[in-house]
Amino acid sequence: MDDISNKEVDLNDMVGKSVVIRGIAHDAKAGALVAIDGGEVVYISERASWPPAWIGKRVTLEGKLNKRRNFPEPDPNNELIEQAMQGIPFVLELDRYSLDENQQ
């Protein structure tokens, strides 16, 4: 399993692989996510949100990294208000997760 948290890694090279990710837990409209060191964002598959006490805390995740759409691409010709997302985000198919020890 590749640890992609502590080094400069192009996440595109890790798609389809089992990985360990460490970062800060956040919630977004598209669901739970982790902001990893280096500024990349990885959404968590099948998870709408984190437990409230985990928001803003450092977490460790294990799973398979993929890329897929959570929402449709924005359509400037569509007059209806819709939820859309630019690009295709990274998504972790979660196997295990934990709150990191030594939280302040």
PDB file of N, CA and C in Angstrom:
ATOM      1  N   MET A   1       0.845  -1.169   0.000  1.00  0.00           N
ATOM      2  CA  MET A   1       0.000   0.000   0.000  1.00  0.00           C
ATOM      3  C   MET A   1       0.893   1.236   0.000  1.00  0.00           C
ATOM      4  N   ASP A   2       0.633   2.162  -0.920  1.00  0.00           N
ATOM      5  CA  ASP A   2       1.447   3.369  -1.049  1.00  0.00           C
ATOM      6  C   ASP A   2       0.932   4.477  -0.137  1.00  0.00           C
ATOM      7  N   ASP A   3       1.829   5.087   0.633  1.00  0.00           N
ATOM      8  CA  ASP A   3       1.488   6.240   1.464  1.00  0.00           C
ATOM      9  C   ASP A   3       1.697   7.492   0.622  1.00  0.00           C
ATOM     10  N   ILE A   4       0.615   8.185   0.306  1.00  0.00           N
ATOM     11  CA  ILE A   4       0.721   9.364  -0.560  1.00  0.00           C
ATOM     12  C   ILE A   4       0.599  10.667   0.222  1.00  0.00           C
ATOM     13  N   SER A   5       0.762  10.605   1.529  1.00  0.00           N
ATOM     14  CA  SER A   5       0.553  11.776   2.370  1.00  0.00           C
ATOM     15  C   SER A   5       1.779  12.637   2.558  1.00  0.00           C
ATOM     16  N   ASN A   6       2.927  12.034   2.640  1.00  0.00           N
ATOM     17  CA  ASN A   6       4.110  12.752   3.092  1.00  0.00           C
ATOM     18  C   ASN A   6       5.117  13.034   2.002  1.00  0.00           C
ATOM     19  N   LYS A   7       4.707  12.954   0.752  1.00  0.00           N
ATOM     20  CA  LYS A   7       5.653  13.209  -0.325  1.00  0.00           C
ATOM     21  C   LYS A   7       4.919  13.820  -1.504  1.00  0.00           C
ATOM     22  N   GLU A   8       5.691  14.418  -2.371  1.00  0.00           N
ATOM     23  CA  GLU A   8       5.131  15.010  -3.585  1.00  0.00           C
ATOM     24  C   GLU A   8       4.785  13.883  -4.545  1.00  0.00           C
ATOM     25  N   VAL A   9       3.505  13.609  -4.704  1.00  0.00           N
ATOM     26  CA  VAL A   9       3.044  12.531  -5.562  1.00  0.00           C
ATOM     27  C   VAL A   9       1.966  13.085  -6.476  1.00  0.00           C
ATOM     28  N   ASP A  10       2.019  12.724  -7.743  1.00  0.00           N
ATOM     29  CA  ASP A  10       0.940  13.058  -8.659  1.00  0.00           C
ATOM     30  C   ASP A  10      -0.156  12.027  -8.429  1.00  0.00           C
ATOM     31  N   LEU A  11      -1.284  12.466  -7.876  1.00  0.00           N
ATOM     32  CA  LEU A  11      -2.360  11.537  -7.550  1.00  0.00           C
ATOM     33  C   LEU A  11      -2.869  10.793  -8.780  1.00  0.00           C
ATOM     34  N   ASN A  12      -2.746  11.387  -9.954  1.00  0.00           N
ATOM     35  CA  ASN A  12      -3.169  10.699 -11.173  1.00  0.00           C
ATOM     36  C   ASN A  12      -2.401   9.397 -11.364  1.00  0.00           C
ATOM     37  N   ASP A  13      -1.148   9.356 -10.910  1.00  0.00           N
ATOM     38  CA  ASP A  13      -0.338   8.141 -11.026  1.00  0.00           C
ATOM     39  C   ASP A  13      -0.780   7.066 -10.038  1.00  0.00           C
ATOM     40  N   MET A  14      -1.567   7.449  -9.036  1.00  0.00           N
ATOM     41  CA  MET A  14      -1.977   6.520  -7.988  1.00  0.00           C
ATOM     42  C   MET A  14      -3.390   5.976  -8.195  1.00  0.00           C
ATOM     43  N   VAL A  15      -4.103   6.460  -9.208  1.00  0.00           N
ATOM     44  CA  VAL A  15      -5.477   6.016  -9.463  1.00  0.00           C
ATOM     45  C   VAL A  15      -5.476   4.512  -9.732  1.00  0.00           C
ATOM     46  N   GLY A  16      -6.393   3.819  -9.060  1.00  0.00           N
ATOM     47  CA  GLY A  16      -6.515   2.371  -9.190  1.00  0.00           C
ATOM     48  C   GLY A  16      -5.675   1.599  -8.200  1.00  0.00           C
ATOM     49  N   LYS A  17      -4.880   2.300  -7.380  1.00  0.00           N
ATOM     50  CA  LYS A  17      -3.997   1.645  -6.418  1.00  0.00           C
ATOM     51  C   LYS A  17      -4.540   1.792  -4.996  1.00  0.00           C
ATOM     52  N   SER A  18      -4.147   0.868  -4.135  1.00  0.00           N
ATOM     53  CA  SER A  18      -4.459   0.969  -2.711  1.00  0.00           C
ATOM     54  C   SER A  18      -3.471   1.929  -2.074  1.00  0.00           C
ATOM     55  N   VAL A  19      -3.999   2.892  -1.316  1.00  0.00           N
ATOM     56  CA  VAL A  19      -3.172   3.959  -0.765  1.00  0.00           C
ATOM     57  C   VAL A  19      -3.517   4.236   0.695  1.00  0.00           C
ATOM     58  N   VAL A  20      -2.589   4.897   1.373  1.00  0.00           N
ATOM     59  CA  VAL A  20      -2.804   5.477   2.702  1.00  0.00           C
ATOM     60  C   VAL A  20      -2.758   6.981   2.521  1.00  0.00           C
ATOM     61  N   ILE A  21      -3.754   7.665   3.064  1.00  0.00           N
ATOM     62  CA  ILE A  21      -3.828   9.126   2.977  1.00  0.00           C
ATOM     63  C   ILE A  21      -3.972   9.680   4.389  1.00  0.00           C
ATOM     64  N   ARG A  22      -3.205  10.720   4.683  1.00  0.00           N
ATOM     65  CA  ARG A  22      -3.356  11.459   5.943  1.00  0.00           C
ATOM     66  C   ARG A  22      -3.657  12.902   5.587  1.00  0.00           C
ATOM     67  N   GLY A  23      -4.635  13.468   6.270  1.00  0.00           N
ATOM     68  CA  GLY A  23      -4.992  14.849   5.996  1.00  0.00           C
ATOM     69  C   GLY A  23      -6.045  15.326   6.971  1.00  0.00           C
ATOM     70  N   ILE A  24      -6.639  16.472   6.641  1.00  0.00           N
ATOM     71  CA  ILE A  24      -7.625  17.114   7.507  1.00  0.00           C
ATOM     72  C   ILE A  24      -9.024  16.822   6.985  1.00  0.00           C
ATOM     73  N   ALA A  25      -9.908  16.354   7.864  1.00  0.00           N
ATOM     74  CA  ALA A  25     -11.289  16.010   7.507  1.00  0.00           C
ATOM     75  C   ALA A  25     -12.134  17.270   7.347  1.00  0.00           C
ATOM     76  N   HIS A  26     -12.885  17.330   6.253  1.00  0.00           N
ATOM     77  CA  HIS A  26     -13.816  18.433   5.988  1.00  0.00           C
ATOM     78  C   HIS A  26     -15.085  17.870   5.376  1.00  0.00           C
ATOM     79  N   ASP A  27     -16.169  18.606   5.491  1.00  0.00           N
ATOM     80  CA  ASP A  27     -17.412  18.290   4.795  1.00  0.00           C
ATOM     81  C   ASP A  27     -17.635  19.323   3.709  1.00  0.00           C
ATOM     82  N   ALA A  28     -18.220  18.898   2.595  1.00  0.00           N
ATOM     83  CA  ALA A  28     -18.551  19.779   1.478  1.00  0.00           C
ATOM     84  C   ALA A  28     -19.909  19.359   0.926  1.00  0.00           C
ATOM     85  N   LYS A  29     -20.462  20.158   0.021  1.00  0.00           N
ATOM     86  CA  LYS A  29     -21.743  19.789  -0.585  1.00  0.00           C
ATOM     87  C   LYS A  29     -21.676  18.437  -1.275  1.00  0.00           C
ATOM     88  N   ALA A  30     -20.528  18.121  -1.854  1.00  0.00           N
ATOM     89  CA  ALA A  30     -20.365  16.861  -2.573  1.00  0.00           C
ATOM     90  C   ALA A  30     -20.062  15.690  -1.645  1.00  0.00           C
ATOM     91  N   GLY A  31     -19.919  15.945  -0.352  1.00  0.00           N
ATOM     92  CA  GLY A  31     -19.676  14.876   0.609  1.00  0.00           C
ATOM     93  C   GLY A  31     -18.432  15.101   1.441  1.00  0.00           C
ATOM     94  N   ALA A  32     -18.098  14.086   2.222  1.00  0.00           N
ATOM     95  CA  ALA A  32     -16.915  14.145   3.081  1.00  0.00           C
ATOM     96  C   ALA A  32     -15.662  14.144   2.214  1.00  0.00           C
ATOM     97  N   LEU A  33     -14.645  14.873   2.668  1.00  0.00           N
ATOM     98  CA  LEU A  33     -13.387  14.915   1.940  1.00  0.00           C
ATOM     99  C   LEU A  33     -12.235  15.051   2.910  1.00  0.00           C
ATOM    100  N   VAL A  34     -11.033  14.837   2.377  1.00  0.00           N
ATOM    101  CA  VAL A  34      -9.804  15.042   3.136  1.00  0.00           C
ATOM    102  C   VAL A  34      -8.913  15.965   2.322  1.00  0.00           C
ATOM    103  N   ALA A  35      -8.424  17.010   2.964  1.00  0.00           N
ATOM    104  CA  ALA A  35      -7.433  17.898   2.357  1.00  0.00           C
ATOM    105  C   ALA A  35      -6.067  17.377   2.780  1.00  0.00           C
ATOM    106  N   ILE A  36      -5.310  16.876   1.803  1.00  0.00           N
ATOM    107  CA  ILE A  36      -4.005  16.310   2.135  1.00  0.00           C
ATOM    108  C   ILE A  36      -2.925  17.372   1.989  1.00  0.00           C
ATOM    109  N   ASP A  37      -1.781  17.118   2.607  1.00  0.00           N
ATOM    110  CA  ASP A  37      -0.652  18.032   2.501  1.00  0.00           C
ATOM    111  C   ASP A  37      -0.326  18.222   1.033  1.00  0.00           C
ATOM    112  N   GLY A  38      -0.049  19.421   0.639  1.00  0.00           N
ATOM    113  CA  GLY A  38       0.195  19.718  -0.763  1.00  0.00           C
ATOM    114  C   GLY A  38      -1.024  20.313  -1.437  1.00  0.00           C
ATOM    115  N   GLY A  39      -2.162  20.351  -0.730  1.00  0.00           N
ATOM    116  CA  GLY A  39      -3.334  21.039  -1.228  1.00  0.00           C
ATOM    117  C   GLY A  39      -4.332  20.213  -2.012  1.00  0.00           C
ATOM    118  N   GLU A  40      -4.048  18.944  -2.298  1.00  0.00           N
ATOM    119  CA  GLU A  40      -5.004  18.113  -3.027  1.00  0.00           C
ATOM    120  C   GLU A  40      -6.194  17.777  -2.135  1.00  0.00           C
ATOM    121  N   VAL A  41      -7.348  17.586  -2.768  1.00  0.00           N
ATOM    122  CA  VAL A  41      -8.574  17.205  -2.075  1.00  0.00           C
ATOM    123  C   VAL A  41      -9.000  15.843  -2.593  1.00  0.00           C
ATOM    124  N   VAL A  42      -9.356  14.944  -1.663  1.00  0.00           N
ATOM    125  CA  VAL A  42      -9.841  13.618  -2.019  1.00  0.00           C
ATOM    126  C   VAL A  42     -11.185  13.424  -1.336  1.00  0.00           C
ATOM    127  N   TYR A  43     -12.226  13.170  -2.142  1.00  0.00           N
ATOM    128  CA  TYR A  43     -13.554  12.877  -1.603  1.00  0.00           C
ATOM    129  C   TYR A  43     -13.594  11.430  -1.129  1.00  0.00           C
ATOM    130  N   ILE A  44     -14.500  11.152  -0.189  1.00  0.00           N
ATOM    131  CA  ILE A  44     -14.627   9.818   0.376  1.00  0.00           C
ATOM    132  C   ILE A  44     -15.904   9.184  -0.164  1.00  0.00           C
ATOM    133  N   SER A  45     -15.760   8.064  -0.852  1.00  0.00           N
ATOM    134  CA  SER A  45     -16.895   7.378  -1.453  1.00  0.00           C
ATOM    135  C   SER A  45     -17.914   6.961  -0.399  1.00  0.00           C
ATOM    136  N   GLU A  46     -19.179   7.122  -0.734  1.00  0.00           N
ATOM    137  CA  GLU A  46     -20.277   6.645   0.109  1.00  0.00           C
ATOM    138  C   GLU A  46     -20.339   7.317   1.483  1.00  0.00           C
ATOM    139  N   ARG A  47     -19.719   8.466   1.637  1.00  0.00           N
ATOM    140  CA  ARG A  47     -19.761   9.158   2.935  1.00  0.00           C
ATOM    141  C   ARG A  47     -20.210  10.591   2.715  1.00  0.00           C
ATOM    142  N   ALA A  48     -21.380  10.921   3.238  1.00  0.00           N
ATOM    143  CA  ALA A  48     -21.929  12.268   3.084  1.00  0.00           C
ATOM    144  C   ALA A  48     -21.248  13.273   4.009  1.00  0.00           C
ATOM    145  N   SER A  49     -20.803  12.789   5.172  1.00  0.00           N
ATOM    146  CA  SER A  49     -20.190  13.703   6.134  1.00  0.00           C
ATOM    147  C   SER A  49     -19.336  12.921   7.129  1.00  0.00           C
ATOM    148  N   TRP A  50     -18.493  13.667   7.833  1.00  0.00           N
ATOM    149  CA  TRP A  50     -17.701  13.115   8.927  1.00  0.00           C
ATOM    150  C   TRP A  50     -18.477  13.267  10.220  1.00  0.00           C
ATOM    151  N   PRO A  51     -18.153  12.490  11.258  1.00  0.00           N
ATOM    152  CA  PRO A  51     -18.722  12.783  12.574  1.00  0.00           C
ATOM    153  C   PRO A  51     -18.340  14.217  12.964  1.00  0.00           C
ATOM    154  N   PRO A  52     -19.245  14.976  13.558  1.00  0.00           N
ATOM    155  CA  PRO A  52     -18.956  16.386  13.862  1.00  0.00           C
ATOM    156  C   PRO A  52     -17.649  16.614  14.619  1.00  0.00           C
ATOM    157  N   ALA A  53     -17.304  15.740  15.528  1.00  0.00           N
ATOM    158  CA  ALA A  53     -16.078  15.917  16.317  1.00  0.00           C
ATOM    159  C   ALA A  53     -14.813  15.717  15.485  1.00  0.00           C
ATOM    160  N   TRP A  54     -14.937  15.174  14.273  1.00  0.00           N
ATOM    161  CA  TRP A  54     -13.777  14.912  13.426  1.00  0.00           C
ATOM    162  C   TRP A  54     -13.463  16.059  12.478  1.00  0.00           C
ATOM    163  N   ILE A  55     -14.396  16.970  12.267  1.00  0.00           N
ATOM    164  CA  ILE A  55     -14.200  18.074  11.320  1.00  0.00           C
ATOM    165  C   ILE A  55     -13.010  18.917  11.765  1.00  0.00           C
ATOM    166  N   GLY A  56     -12.092  19.158  10.835  1.00  0.00           N
ATOM    167  CA  GLY A  56     -10.901  19.945  11.124  1.00  0.00           C
ATOM    168  C   GLY A  56      -9.788  19.169  11.802  1.00  0.00           C
ATOM    169  N   LYS A  57      -9.995  17.884  12.021  1.00  0.00           N
ATOM    170  CA  LYS A  57      -8.981  17.042  12.681  1.00  0.00           C
ATOM    171  C   LYS A  57      -8.223  16.218  11.641  1.00  0.00           C
ATOM    172  N   ARG A  58      -7.045  15.798  12.038  1.00  0.00           N
ATOM    173  CA  ARG A  58      -6.199  14.978  11.166  1.00  0.00           C
ATOM    174  C   ARG A  58      -6.687  13.530  11.220  1.00  0.00           C
ATOM    175  N   VAL A  59      -6.842  12.921  10.042  1.00  0.00           N
ATOM    176  CA  VAL A  59      -7.313  11.546   9.926  1.00  0.00           C
ATOM    177  C   VAL A  59      -6.357  10.737   9.046  1.00  0.00           C
ATOM    178  N   THR A  60      -6.401   9.424   9.219  1.00  0.00           N
ATOM    179  CA  THR A  60      -5.668   8.497   8.363  1.00  0.00           C
ATOM    180  C   THR A  60      -6.684   7.594   7.683  1.00  0.00           C
ATOM    181  N   LEU A  61      -6.553   7.466   6.360  1.00  0.00           N
ATOM    182  CA  LEU A  61      -7.493   6.681   5.562  1.00  0.00           C
ATOM    183  C   LEU A  61      -6.732   5.649   4.749  1.00  0.00           C
ATOM    184  N   GLU A  62      -7.345   4.499   4.537  1.00  0.00           N
ATOM    185  CA  GLU A  62      -6.802   3.481   3.653  1.00  0.00           C
ATOM    186  C   GLU A  62      -7.895   3.077   2.678  1.00  0.00           C
ATOM    187  N   GLY A  63      -7.523   2.899   1.409  1.00  0.00           N
ATOM    188  CA  GLY A  63      -8.488   2.462   0.415  1.00  0.00           C
ATOM    189  C   GLY A  63      -7.926   2.573  -0.979  1.00  0.00           C
ATOM    190  N   LYS A  64      -8.799   2.395  -1.956  1.00  0.00           N
ATOM    191  CA  LYS A  64      -8.413   2.449  -3.364  1.00  0.00           C
ATOM    192  C   LYS A  64      -8.760   3.817  -3.932  1.00  0.00           C
ATOM    193  N   LEU A  65      -7.773   4.465  -4.545  1.00  0.00           N
ATOM    194  CA  LEU A  65      -7.961   5.799  -5.100  1.00  0.00           C
ATOM    195  C   LEU A  65      -8.513   5.706  -6.527  1.00  0.00           C
ATOM    196  N   ASN A  66      -9.567   6.474  -6.790  1.00  0.00           N
ATOM    197  CA  ASN A  66     -10.173   6.538  -8.121  1.00  0.00           C
ATOM    198  C   ASN A  66     -10.462   7.984  -8.472  1.00  0.00           C
ATOM    199  N   LYS A  67     -10.929   8.193  -9.687  1.00  0.00           N
ATOM    200  CA  LYS A  67     -11.455   9.497 -10.118  1.00  0.00           C
ATOM    201  C   LYS A  67     -12.826   9.233 -10.718  1.00  0.00           C
ATOM    202  N   ARG A  68     -13.808  10.026 -10.298  1.00  0.00           N
ATOM    203  CA  ARG A  68     -15.143   9.907 -10.889  1.00  0.00           C
ATOM    204  C   ARG A  68     -15.970  11.133 -10.542  1.00  0.00           C
ATOM    205  N   ARG A  69     -16.954  11.370 -11.338  1.00  0.00           N
ATOM    206  CA  ARG A  69     -17.844  12.512 -11.141  1.00  0.00           C
ATOM    207  C   ARG A  69     -18.800  12.277  -9.979  1.00  0.00           C
ATOM    208  N   ASN A  70     -18.907  13.294  -9.119  1.00  0.00           N
ATOM    209  CA  ASN A  70     -19.931  13.295  -8.081  1.00  0.00           C
ATOM    210  C   ASN A  70     -21.180  14.032  -8.563  1.00  0.00           C
ATOM    211  N   PHE A  71     -20.966  15.024  -9.416  1.00  0.00           N
ATOM    212  CA  PHE A  71     -22.036  15.840  -9.974  1.00  0.00           C
ATOM    213  C   PHE A  71     -21.773  16.008 -11.464  1.00  0.00           C
ATOM    214  N   PRO A  72     -22.801  16.390 -12.223  1.00  0.00           N
ATOM    215  CA  PRO A  72     -22.573  16.621 -13.655  1.00  0.00           C
ATOM    216  C   PRO A  72     -21.681  17.839 -13.893  1.00  0.00           C
ATOM    217  N   GLU A  73     -21.075  17.887 -15.073  1.00  0.00           N
ATOM    218  CA  GLU A  73     -20.273  19.038 -15.505  1.00  0.00           C
ATOM    219  C   GLU A  73     -21.207  20.241 -15.673  1.00  0.00           C
ATOM    220  N   PRO A  74     -20.776  21.456 -15.323  1.00  0.00           N
ATOM    221  CA  PRO A  74     -21.627  22.637 -15.526  1.00  0.00           C
ATOM    222  C   PRO A  74     -22.025  22.781 -16.997  1.00  0.00           C
ATOM    223  N   ASP A  75     -23.283  23.148 -17.230  1.00  0.00           N
ATOM    224  CA  ASP A  75     -23.802  23.334 -18.582  1.00  0.00           C
ATOM    225  C   ASP A  75     -24.319  24.762 -18.717  1.00  0.00           C
ATOM    226  N   PRO A  76     -23.584  25.647 -19.424  1.00  0.00           N
ATOM    227  CA  PRO A  76     -24.017  27.048 -19.539  1.00  0.00           C
ATOM    228  C   PRO A  76     -25.322  27.205 -20.321  1.00  0.00           C
ATOM    229  N   ASN A  77     -25.726  26.191 -21.064  1.00  0.00           N
ATOM    230  CA  ASN A  77     -26.970  26.263 -21.821  1.00  0.00           C
ATOM    231  C   ASN A  77     -28.192  25.829 -21.017  1.00  0.00           C
ATOM    232  N   ASN A  78     -27.959  25.272 -19.839  1.00  0.00           N
ATOM    233  CA  ASN A  78     -29.046  24.819 -18.987  1.00  0.00           C
ATOM    234  C   ASN A  78     -29.524  25.985 -18.132  1.00  0.00           C
ATOM    235  N   GLU A  79     -30.789  26.371 -18.295  1.00  0.00           N
ATOM    236  CA  GLU A  79     -31.326  27.514 -17.557  1.00  0.00           C
ATOM    237  C   GLU A  79     -31.764  27.149 -16.146  1.00  0.00           C
ATOM    238  N   LEU A  80     -31.834  25.874 -15.843  1.00  0.00           N
ATOM    239  CA  LEU A  80     -32.223  25.445 -14.512  1.00  0.00           C
ATOM    240  C   LEU A  80     -31.042  25.576 -13.560  1.00  0.00           C
ATOM    241  N   ILE A  81     -31.331  25.895 -12.321  1.00  0.00           N
ATOM    242  CA  ILE A  81     -30.276  25.915 -11.312  1.00  0.00           C
ATOM    243  C   ILE A  81     -29.994  24.471 -10.937  1.00  0.00           C
ATOM    244  N   GLU A  82     -28.738  24.076 -10.986  1.00  0.00           N
ATOM    245  CA  GLU A  82     -28.361  22.709 -10.657  1.00  0.00           C
ATOM    246  C   GLU A  82     -27.045  22.699  -9.913  1.00  0.00           C
ATOM    247  N   GLN A  83     -26.809  21.611  -9.262  1.00  0.00           N
ATOM    248  CA  GLN A  83     -25.531  21.407  -8.604  1.00  0.00           C
ATOM    249  C   GLN A  83     -24.564  20.856  -9.641  1.00  0.00           C
ATOM    250  N   ALA A  84     -23.414  21.463  -9.789  1.00  0.00           N
ATOM    251  CA  ALA A  84     -22.436  21.013 -10.777  1.00  0.00           C
ATOM    252  C   ALA A  84     -21.036  21.091 -10.182  1.00  0.00           C
ATOM    253  N   MET A  85     -20.109  20.374 -10.789  1.00  0.00           N
ATOM    254  CA  MET A  85     -18.726  20.359 -10.325  1.00  0.00           C
ATOM    255  C   MET A  85     -17.806  20.384 -11.537  1.00  0.00           C
ATOM    256  N   GLN A  86     -16.855  21.281 -11.509  1.00  0.00           N
ATOM    257  CA  GLN A  86     -15.862  21.378 -12.573  1.00  0.00           C
ATOM    258  C   GLN A  86     -14.846  20.254 -12.424  1.00  0.00           C
ATOM    259  N   GLY A  87     -14.566  19.550 -13.492  1.00  0.00           N
ATOM    260  CA  GLY A  87     -13.542  18.514 -13.464  1.00  0.00           C
ATOM    261  C   GLY A  87     -14.002  17.220 -12.819  1.00  0.00           C
ATOM    262  N   ILE A  88     -13.082  16.280 -12.752  1.00  0.00           N
ATOM    263  CA  ILE A  88     -13.362  14.969 -12.168  1.00  0.00           C
ATOM    264  C   ILE A  88     -12.522  14.825 -10.904  1.00  0.00           C
ATOM    265  N   PRO A  89     -13.166  14.745  -9.737  1.00  0.00           N
ATOM    266  CA  PRO A  89     -12.413  14.704  -8.482  1.00  0.00           C
ATOM    267  C   PRO A  89     -11.840  13.320  -8.170  1.00  0.00           C
ATOM    268  N   PHE A  90     -10.831  13.320  -7.309  1.00  0.00           N
ATOM    269  CA  PHE A  90     -10.311  12.076  -6.758  1.00  0.00           C
ATOM    270  C   PHE A  90     -11.284  11.583  -5.701  1.00  0.00           C
ATOM    271  N   VAL A  91     -11.505  10.275  -5.672  1.00  0.00           N
ATOM    272  CA  VAL A  91     -12.427   9.652  -4.719  1.00  0.00           C
ATOM    273  C   VAL A  91     -11.748   8.422  -4.130  1.00  0.00           C
ATOM    274  N   LEU A  92     -11.793   8.305  -2.811  1.00  0.00           N
ATOM    275  CA  LEU A  92     -11.209   7.148  -2.133  1.00  0.00           C
ATOM    276  C   LEU A  92     -12.318   6.156  -1.797  1.00  0.00           C
ATOM    277  N   GLU A  93     -12.175   4.915  -2.301  1.00  0.00           N
ATOM    278  CA  GLU A  93     -13.062   3.814  -1.927  1.00  0.00           C
ATOM    279  C   GLU A  93     -12.537   3.322  -0.580  1.00  0.00           C
ATOM    280  N   LEU A  94     -13.180   3.734   0.472  1.00  0.00           N
ATOM    281  CA  LEU A  94     -12.662   3.609   1.830  1.00  0.00           C
ATOM    282  C   LEU A  94     -12.699   2.178   2.358  1.00  0.00           C
ATOM    283  N   ASP A  95     -11.551   1.716   2.862  1.00  0.00           N
ATOM    284  CA  ASP A  95     -11.465   0.425   3.557  1.00  0.00           C
ATOM    285  C   ASP A  95     -11.440   0.639   5.066  1.00  0.00           C
ATOM    286  N   ARG A  96     -10.543   1.532   5.512  1.00  0.00           N
ATOM    287  CA  ARG A  96     -10.378   1.834   6.935  1.00  0.00           C
ATOM    288  C   ARG A  96     -10.128   3.305   7.138  1.00  0.00           C
ATOM    289  N   TYR A  97     -10.505   3.785   8.295  1.00  0.00           N
ATOM    290  CA  TYR A  97     -10.197   5.182   8.636  1.00  0.00           C
ATOM    291  C   TYR A  97     -10.103   5.310  10.146  1.00  0.00           C
ATOM    292  N   SER A  98      -9.312   6.305  10.569  1.00  0.00           N
ATOM    293  CA  SER A  98      -9.179   6.552  11.997  1.00  0.00           C
ATOM    294  C   SER A  98      -8.803   8.006  12.235  1.00  0.00           C
ATOM    295  N   LEU A  99      -9.161   8.478  13.400  1.00  0.00           N
ATOM    296  CA  LEU A  99      -8.747   9.801  13.853  1.00  0.00           C
ATOM    297  C   LEU A  99      -7.317   9.660  14.348  1.00  0.00           C
ATOM    298  N   ASP A 100      -6.418  10.512  13.878  1.00  0.00           N
ATOM    299  CA  ASP A 100      -5.012  10.427  14.296  1.00  0.00           C
ATOM    300  C   ASP A 100      -4.884  10.742  15.781  1.00  0.00           C
ATOM    301  N   GLU A 101      -3.971  10.065  16.399  1.00  0.00           N
ATOM    302  CA  GLU A 101      -3.649  10.316  17.814  1.00  0.00           C
ATOM    303  C   GLU A 101      -2.961  11.669  17.938  1.00  0.00           C
ATOM    304  N   ASN A 102      -2.811  12.155  19.160  1.00  0.00           N
ATOM    305  CA  ASN A 102      -2.096  13.395  19.457  1.00  0.00           C
ATOM    306  C   ASN A 102      -2.745  14.632  18.851  1.00  0.00           C
ATOM    307  N   GLN A 103      -4.075  14.647  18.796  1.00  0.00           N
ATOM    308  CA  GLN A 103      -4.779  15.848  18.339  1.00  0.00           C
ATOM    309  C   GLN A 103      -4.681  16.911  19.423  1.00  0.00           C
ATOM    310  N   GLN A 104      -4.520  18.129  18.993  1.00  0.00           N
ATOM    311  CA  GLN A 104      -4.414  19.244  19.952  1.00  0.00           C
ATOM    312  C   GLN A 104      -5.788  19.628  20.452  1.00  0.00           C
TER     313      GLN A 104
END
